[in-house]
């Protein structure tokens, strides 16, 4: 029983879990921002190609 209580106390004072959670949240925020940035960049590039397509006369 004493070993269980000792392990429980070590678990409560261990900071590896919260640190891993913080890194996971940070990584998910970075991934979401990357997806948003790529979608905005893709829309911009699509607009450029549409402009070029309309400006080039077909023979």
PDB file of N, CA and C in Angstrom:
ATOM      1  N   UNK A   1       0.827  -1.201   0.000  1.00  0.00           N
ATOM      2  CA  UNK A   1       0.000   0.000   0.000  1.00  0.00           C
ATOM      3  C   UNK A   1       0.865   1.256   0.000  1.00  0.00           C
ATOM      4  N   UNK A   2       1.979   1.202   0.751  1.00  0.00           N
ATOM      5  CA  UNK A   2       2.869   2.360   0.803  1.00  0.00           C
ATOM      6  C   UNK A   2       3.486   2.639  -0.571  1.00  0.00           C
ATOM      7  N   UNK A   3       3.763   1.582  -1.321  1.00  0.00           N
ATOM      8  CA  UNK A   3       4.336   1.760  -2.659  1.00  0.00           C
ATOM      9  C   UNK A   3       3.336   2.453  -3.581  1.00  0.00           C
ATOM     10  N   UNK A   4       2.069   2.110  -3.463  1.00  0.00           N
ATOM     11  CA  UNK A   4       1.031   2.734  -4.270  1.00  0.00           C
ATOM     12  C   UNK A   4       0.905   4.218  -3.948  1.00  0.00           C
ATOM     13  N   UNK A   5       0.933   4.542  -2.660  1.00  0.00           N
ATOM     14  CA  UNK A   5       0.843   5.952  -2.244  1.00  0.00           C
ATOM     15  C   UNK A   5       2.058   6.723  -2.729  1.00  0.00           C
ATOM     16  N   UNK A   6       3.232   6.095  -2.661  1.00  0.00           N
ATOM     17  CA  UNK A   6       4.462   6.755  -3.129  1.00  0.00           C
ATOM     18  C   UNK A   6       4.390   7.031  -4.639  1.00  0.00           C
ATOM     19  N   UNK A   7       3.906   6.037  -5.399  1.00  0.00           N
ATOM     20  CA  UNK A   7       3.785   6.220  -6.849  1.00  0.00           C
ATOM     21  C   UNK A   7       2.745   7.289  -7.191  1.00  0.00           C
ATOM     22  N   UNK A   8       1.678   7.333  -6.420  1.00  0.00           N
ATOM     23  CA  UNK A   8       0.656   8.348  -6.639  1.00  0.00           C
ATOM     24  C   UNK A   8       1.204   9.749  -6.385  1.00  0.00           C
ATOM     25  N   UNK A   9       1.995   9.901  -5.328  1.00  0.00           N
ATOM     26  CA  UNK A   9       2.604  11.200  -5.026  1.00  0.00           C
ATOM     27  C   UNK A   9       3.578  11.609  -6.132  1.00  0.00           C
ATOM     28  N   UNK A  10       4.360  10.651  -6.633  1.00  0.00           N
ATOM     29  CA  UNK A  10       5.278  10.959  -7.734  1.00  0.00           C
ATOM     30  C   UNK A  10       4.513  11.362  -8.991  1.00  0.00           C
ATOM     31  N   UNK A  11       3.395  10.693  -9.238  1.00  0.00           N
ATOM     32  CA  UNK A  11       2.583  11.011 -10.409  1.00  0.00           C
ATOM     33  C   UNK A  11       2.004  12.419 -10.312  1.00  0.00           C
ATOM     34  N   UNK A  12       1.553  12.800  -9.129  1.00  0.00           N
ATOM     35  CA  UNK A  12       0.952  14.122  -8.943  1.00  0.00           C
ATOM     36  C   UNK A  12       1.992  15.220  -9.124  1.00  0.00           C
ATOM     37  N   UNK A  13       3.212  14.971  -8.670  1.00  0.00           N
ATOM     38  CA  UNK A  13       4.255  15.999  -8.751  1.00  0.00           C
ATOM     39  C   UNK A  13       5.041  15.968 -10.055  1.00  0.00           C
ATOM     40  N   UNK A  14       4.811  14.958 -10.871  1.00  0.00           N
ATOM     41  CA  UNK A  14       5.514  14.855 -12.146  1.00  0.00           C
ATOM     42  C   UNK A  14       4.944  15.876 -13.118  1.00  0.00           C
ATOM     43  N   UNK A  15       5.811  16.621 -13.810  1.00  0.00           N
ATOM     44  CA  UNK A  15       5.363  17.661 -14.738  1.00  0.00           C
ATOM     45  C   UNK A  15       5.515  17.253 -16.191  1.00  0.00           C
ATOM     46  N   UNK A  16       5.829  15.994 -16.456  1.00  0.00           N
ATOM     47  CA  UNK A  16       5.985  15.542 -17.837  1.00  0.00           C
ATOM     48  C   UNK A  16       4.638  15.502 -18.558  1.00  0.00           C
ATOM     49  N   UNK A  17       3.579  15.142 -17.865  1.00  0.00           N
ATOM     50  CA  UNK A  17       2.256  15.073 -18.482  1.00  0.00           C
ATOM     51  C   UNK A  17       1.745  16.428 -18.943  1.00  0.00           C
ATOM     52  N   UNK A  18       1.731  17.429 -18.052  1.00  0.00           N
ATOM     53  CA  UNK A  18       1.268  18.748 -18.492  1.00  0.00           C
ATOM     54  C   UNK A  18       2.143  19.340 -19.595  1.00  0.00           C
ATOM     55  N   UNK A  19       3.449  19.075 -19.536  1.00  0.00           N
ATOM     56  CA  UNK A  19       4.336  19.597 -20.571  1.00  0.00           C
ATOM     57  C   UNK A  19       3.999  18.972 -21.920  1.00  0.00           C
ATOM     58  N   UNK A  20       3.760  17.677 -21.937  1.00  0.00           N
ATOM     59  CA  UNK A  20       3.403  16.999 -23.185  1.00  0.00           C
ATOM     60  C   UNK A  20       2.072  17.527 -23.716  1.00  0.00           C
ATOM     61  N   UNK A  21       1.140  17.790 -22.821  1.00  0.00           N
ATOM     62  CA  UNK A  21      -0.158  18.333 -23.235  1.00  0.00           C
ATOM     63  C   UNK A  21       0.009  19.720 -23.824  1.00  0.00           C
ATOM     64  N   UNK A  22       0.834  20.532 -23.202  1.00  0.00           N
ATOM     65  CA  UNK A  22       1.065  21.886 -23.727  1.00  0.00           C
ATOM     66  C   UNK A  22       1.696  21.829 -25.112  1.00  0.00           C
ATOM     67  N   UNK A  23       2.659  20.917 -25.299  1.00  0.00           N
ATOM     68  CA  UNK A  23       3.277  20.779 -26.617  1.00  0.00           C
ATOM     69  C   UNK A  23       2.263  20.290 -27.651  1.00  0.00           C
ATOM     70  N   UNK A  24       1.378  19.400 -27.266  1.00  0.00           N
ATOM     71  CA  UNK A  24       0.370  18.902 -28.194  1.00  0.00           C
ATOM     72  C   UNK A  24      -0.588  20.014 -28.609  1.00  0.00           C
ATOM     73  N   UNK A  25      -0.992  20.850 -27.657  1.00  0.00           N
ATOM     74  CA  UNK A  25      -1.873  21.975 -27.983  1.00  0.00           C
ATOM     75  C   UNK A  25      -1.156  22.959 -28.902  1.00  0.00           C
ATOM     76  N   UNK A  26       0.103  23.260 -28.601  1.00  0.00           N
ATOM     77  CA  UNK A  26       0.875  24.181 -29.426  1.00  0.00           C
ATOM     78  C   UNK A  26       1.044  23.636 -30.838  1.00  0.00           C
ATOM     79  N   UNK A  27       1.335  22.344 -30.944  1.00  0.00           N
ATOM     80  CA  UNK A  27       1.493  21.729 -32.260  1.00  0.00           C
ATOM     81  C   UNK A  27       0.193  21.771 -33.053  1.00  0.00           C
ATOM     82  N   UNK A  28      -0.939  21.531 -32.392  1.00  0.00           N
ATOM     83  CA  UNK A  28      -2.210  21.571 -33.114  1.00  0.00           C
ATOM     84  C   UNK A  28      -2.541  22.982 -33.578  1.00  0.00           C
ATOM     85  N   UNK A  29      -2.217  23.999 -32.782  1.00  0.00           N
ATOM     86  CA  UNK A  29      -2.447  25.382 -33.209  1.00  0.00           C
ATOM     87  C   UNK A  29      -1.573  25.744 -34.405  1.00  0.00           C
ATOM     88  N   UNK A  30      -0.317  25.316 -34.377  1.00  0.00           N
ATOM     89  CA  UNK A  30       0.582  25.582 -35.501  1.00  0.00           C
ATOM     90  C   UNK A  30       0.073  24.885 -36.761  1.00  0.00           C
ATOM     91  N   UNK A  31      -0.397  23.647 -36.621  1.00  0.00           N
ATOM     92  CA  UNK A  31      -0.919  22.910 -37.784  1.00  0.00           C
ATOM     93  C   UNK A  31      -2.156  23.593 -38.353  1.00  0.00           C
ATOM     94  N   UNK A  32      -3.043  24.073 -37.478  1.00  0.00           N
ATOM     95  CA  UNK A  32      -4.236  24.766 -37.963  1.00  0.00           C
ATOM     96  C   UNK A  32      -3.857  26.053 -38.689  1.00  0.00           C
ATOM     97  N   UNK A  33      -2.904  26.798 -38.177  1.00  0.00           N
ATOM     98  CA  UNK A  33      -2.472  28.030 -38.839  1.00  0.00           C
ATOM     99  C   UNK A  33      -1.831  27.725 -40.188  1.00  0.00           C
ATOM    100  N   UNK A  34      -1.092  26.621 -40.276  1.00  0.00           N
ATOM    101  CA  UNK A  34      -0.478  26.238 -41.546  1.00  0.00           C
ATOM    102  C   UNK A  34      -1.551  25.895 -42.574  1.00  0.00           C
ATOM    103  N   UNK A  35      -2.602  25.194 -42.162  1.00  0.00           N
ATOM    104  CA  UNK A  35      -3.685  24.850 -43.080  1.00  0.00           C
ATOM    105  C   UNK A  35      -4.387  26.113 -43.571  1.00  0.00           C
ATOM    106  N   UNK A  36      -4.653  27.044 -42.677  1.00  0.00           N
ATOM    107  CA  UNK A  36      -5.309  28.300 -43.061  1.00  0.00           C
ATOM    108  C   UNK A  36      -4.425  29.085 -44.022  1.00  0.00           C
ATOM    109  N   UNK A  37      -3.131  29.170 -43.714  1.00  0.00           N
ATOM    110  CA  UNK A  37      -2.213  29.909 -44.584  1.00  0.00           C
ATOM    111  C   UNK A  37      -2.135  29.271 -45.968  1.00  0.00           C
ATOM    112  N   UNK A  38      -2.064  27.937 -46.025  1.00  0.00           N
ATOM    113  CA  UNK A  38      -1.990  27.265 -47.328  1.00  0.00           C
ATOM    114  C   UNK A  38      -3.274  27.437 -48.123  1.00  0.00           C
ATOM    115  N   UNK A  39      -4.412  27.432 -47.457  1.00  0.00           N
ATOM    116  CA  UNK A  39      -5.661  27.616 -48.206  1.00  0.00           C
ATOM    117  C   UNK A  39      -5.757  29.036 -48.746  1.00  0.00           C
ATOM    118  N   UNK A  40      -5.325  30.017 -47.975  1.00  0.00           N
ATOM    119  CA  UNK A  40      -5.337  31.400 -48.459  1.00  0.00           C
ATOM    120  C   UNK A  40      -4.349  31.562 -49.619  1.00  0.00           C
ATOM    121  N   UNK A  41      -3.175  30.973 -49.493  1.00  0.00           N
ATOM    122  CA  UNK A  41      -2.176  31.053 -50.557  1.00  0.00           C
ATOM    123  C   UNK A  41      -2.693  30.364 -51.815  1.00  0.00           C
ATOM    124  N   UNK A  42      -3.365  29.216 -51.644  1.00  0.00           N
ATOM    125  CA  UNK A  42      -3.918  28.490 -52.788  1.00  0.00           C
ATOM    126  C   UNK A  42      -4.985  29.300 -53.504  1.00  0.00           C
ATOM    127  N   UNK A  43      -5.824  29.998 -52.743  1.00  0.00           N
ATOM    128  CA  UNK A  43      -6.856  30.834 -53.360  1.00  0.00           C
ATOM    129  C   UNK A  43      -6.213  31.981 -54.140  1.00  0.00           C
ATOM    130  N   UNK A  44      -5.148  32.539 -53.598  1.00  0.00           N
ATOM    131  CA  UNK A  44      -4.455  33.643 -54.273  1.00  0.00           C
ATOM    132  C   UNK A  44      -3.825  33.154 -55.580  1.00  0.00           C
ATOM    133  N   UNK A  45      -3.166  32.011 -55.542  1.00  0.00           N
ATOM    134  CA  UNK A  45      -2.539  31.459 -56.746  1.00  0.00           C
ATOM    135  C   UNK A  45      -3.601  31.088 -57.778  1.00  0.00           C
ATOM    136  N   UNK A  46      -4.722  30.561 -57.329  1.00  0.00           N
ATOM    137  CA  UNK A  46      -5.807  30.226 -58.249  1.00  0.00           C
ATOM    138  C   UNK A  46      -6.320  31.477 -58.949  1.00  0.00           C
ATOM    139  N   UNK A  47      -6.420  32.580 -58.218  1.00  0.00           N
ATOM    140  CA  UNK A  47      -6.850  33.842 -58.817  1.00  0.00           C
ATOM    141  C   UNK A  47      -5.865  34.344 -59.859  1.00  0.00           C
ATOM    142  N   UNK A  48      -4.590  34.186 -59.585  1.00  0.00           N
ATOM    143  CA  UNK A  48      -3.564  34.605 -60.547  1.00  0.00           C
ATOM    144  C   UNK A  48      -3.675  33.795 -61.826  1.00  0.00           C
ATOM    145  N   UNK A  49      -3.822  32.459 -61.688  1.00  0.00           N
ATOM    146  CA  UNK A  49      -3.943  31.620 -62.880  1.00  0.00           C
ATOM    147  C   UNK A  49      -5.226  31.919 -63.651  1.00  0.00           C
ATOM    148  N   UNK A  50      -6.285  32.234 -62.965  1.00  0.00           N
ATOM    149  CA  UNK A  50      -7.528  32.596 -63.655  1.00  0.00           C
ATOM    150  C   UNK A  50      -7.346  33.892 -64.436  1.00  0.00           C
ATOM    151  N   UNK A  51      -6.641  34.852 -63.851  1.00  0.00           N
ATOM    152  CA  UNK A  51      -6.368  36.119 -64.540  1.00  0.00           C
ATOM    153  C   UNK A  51      -5.522  35.869 -65.793  1.00  0.00           C
ATOM    154  N   UNK A  52      -4.492  35.045 -65.654  1.00  0.00           N
ATOM    155  CA  UNK A  52      -3.627  34.735 -66.805  1.00  0.00           C
ATOM    156  C   UNK A  52      -4.419  34.008 -67.886  1.00  0.00           C
ATOM    157  N   UNK A  53      -5.274  33.080 -67.463  1.00  0.00           N
ATOM    158  CA  UNK A  53      -6.084  32.330 -68.418  1.00  0.00           C
ATOM    159  C   UNK A  53      -7.007  33.265 -69.200  1.00  0.00           C
ATOM    160  N   UNK A  54      -7.560  34.248 -68.528  1.00  0.00           N
ATOM    161  CA  UNK A  54      -8.451  35.176 -69.216  1.00  0.00           C
ATOM    162  C   UNK A  54      -7.704  36.184 -70.071  1.00  0.00           C
ATOM    163  N   UNK A  55      -6.452  36.471 -69.732  1.00  0.00           N
ATOM    164  CA  UNK A  55      -5.688  37.474 -70.479  1.00  0.00           C
ATOM    165  C   UNK A  55      -5.035  36.906 -71.740  1.00  0.00           C
ATOM    166  N   UNK A  56      -4.789  35.623 -71.759  1.00  0.00           N
ATOM    167  CA  UNK A  56      -4.124  35.025 -72.913  1.00  0.00           C
ATOM    168  C   UNK A  56      -5.192  34.667 -73.955  1.00  0.00           C
ATOM    169  N   UNK A  57      -5.077  35.259 -75.147  1.00  0.00           N
ATOM    170  CA  UNK A  57      -6.086  34.984 -76.175  1.00  0.00           C
ATOM    171  C   UNK A  57      -5.875  33.582 -76.774  1.00  0.00           C
ATOM    172  N   UNK A  58      -6.980  32.939 -77.042  1.00  0.00           N
ATOM    173  CA  UNK A  58      -6.916  31.630 -77.703  1.00  0.00           C
ATOM    174  C   UNK A  58      -6.983  31.851 -79.199  1.00  0.00           C
ATOM    175  N   UNK A  59      -6.213  31.034 -79.966  1.00  0.00           N
ATOM    176  CA  UNK A  59      -6.211  31.244 -81.396  1.00  0.00           C
ATOM    177  C   UNK A  59      -7.317  30.558 -82.104  1.00  0.00           C
TER     178      UNK A  59
END
